[in-house]
């Protein structure tokens, strides 16, 4: 019985942390401090992101262009 209670408590704690980390509890005033930041330093370090091209993967055995 104690093990079952421990398992339920751990599952609820994990679910609570998951919801908190995703920001789903922000309506209750429970949101991580860095929720809105989302790594702004990476955005400032990008050089010509418009040059990025998505190419289809070459077939195996075909010579690379």
Protein backbone atom coordinates (compact mmCIF):
# COMPACT_ATOMS: atom_id res chain seq x y z
CA UNK A 1 0.00 0.00 0.00
CA UNK A 2 2.84 2.41 0.81
CA UNK A 3 4.56 1.65 -2.49
CA UNK A 4 1.35 2.37 -4.41
CA UNK A 5 0.98 5.72 -2.62
CA UNK A 6 4.62 6.58 -3.34
CA UNK A 7 4.12 5.76 -7.03
CA UNK A 8 1.02 7.97 -7.24
CA UNK A 9 2.83 10.87 -5.52
CA UNK A 10 5.80 10.55 -7.88
CA UNK A 11 3.55 10.44 -10.96
CA UNK A 12 1.68 13.55 -9.80
CA UNK A 13 4.96 15.34 -9.07
CA UNK A 14 6.29 14.48 -12.54
CA UNK A 15 3.06 15.62 -14.21
CA UNK A 16 3.15 18.86 -12.22
CA UNK A 17 6.74 19.56 -13.18
CA UNK A 18 6.01 18.80 -16.84
CA UNK A 19 3.09 21.23 -16.89
CA UNK A 20 5.11 23.87 -15.02
CA UNK A 21 8.13 23.56 -17.37
CA UNK A 22 5.92 23.91 -20.48
CA UNK A 23 4.27 27.01 -19.03
CA UNK A 24 0.80 25.51 -18.82
CA UNK A 25 0.44 26.70 -15.22
CA UNK A 26 1.18 30.35 -16.07
CA UNK A 27 -2.51 31.20 -15.65
CA UNK A 28 -2.15 30.29 -11.97
CA UNK A 29 0.97 32.42 -11.59
CA UNK A 30 3.24 29.38 -11.71
CA UNK A 31 5.58 29.77 -14.66
CA UNK A 32 9.34 29.36 -14.93
CA UNK A 33 11.28 32.63 -15.02
CA UNK A 34 12.90 31.91 -18.39
CA UNK A 35 9.69 30.93 -20.18
CA UNK A 36 9.56 33.99 -22.45
CA UNK A 37 13.28 34.23 -23.19
CA UNK A 38 13.77 31.16 -25.39
CA UNK A 39 17.51 31.75 -25.92
CA UNK A 40 17.57 35.30 -27.34
CA UNK A 41 21.38 35.17 -27.56
CA UNK A 42 21.09 32.66 -30.40
CA UNK A 43 18.89 35.01 -32.40
CA UNK A 44 21.41 37.82 -32.02
CA UNK A 45 24.29 35.59 -33.19
CA UNK A 46 22.67 34.50 -36.45
CA UNK A 47 24.44 35.69 -39.57
CA UNK A 48 22.30 35.84 -42.74
CA UNK A 49 19.61 33.32 -41.77
CA UNK A 50 17.92 34.03 -45.12
CA UNK A 51 20.79 32.18 -46.82
CA UNK A 52 19.61 28.90 -45.30
CA UNK A 53 18.43 26.46 -47.95
CA UNK A 54 16.57 23.22 -47.39
CA UNK A 55 17.59 20.57 -49.86
CA UNK A 56 16.13 17.16 -50.54
CA UNK A 57 18.29 14.27 -49.45
CA UNK A 58 20.22 12.62 -52.30
CA UNK A 59 19.44 9.01 -53.14
CA UNK A 60 21.91 6.49 -51.76
CA UNK A 61 24.54 5.65 -54.34
CA UNK A 62 24.03 8.83 -56.33
CA UNK A 63 27.04 11.15 -56.63
CA UNK A 64 26.90 14.31 -54.55
CA UNK A 65 26.32 17.51 -56.56
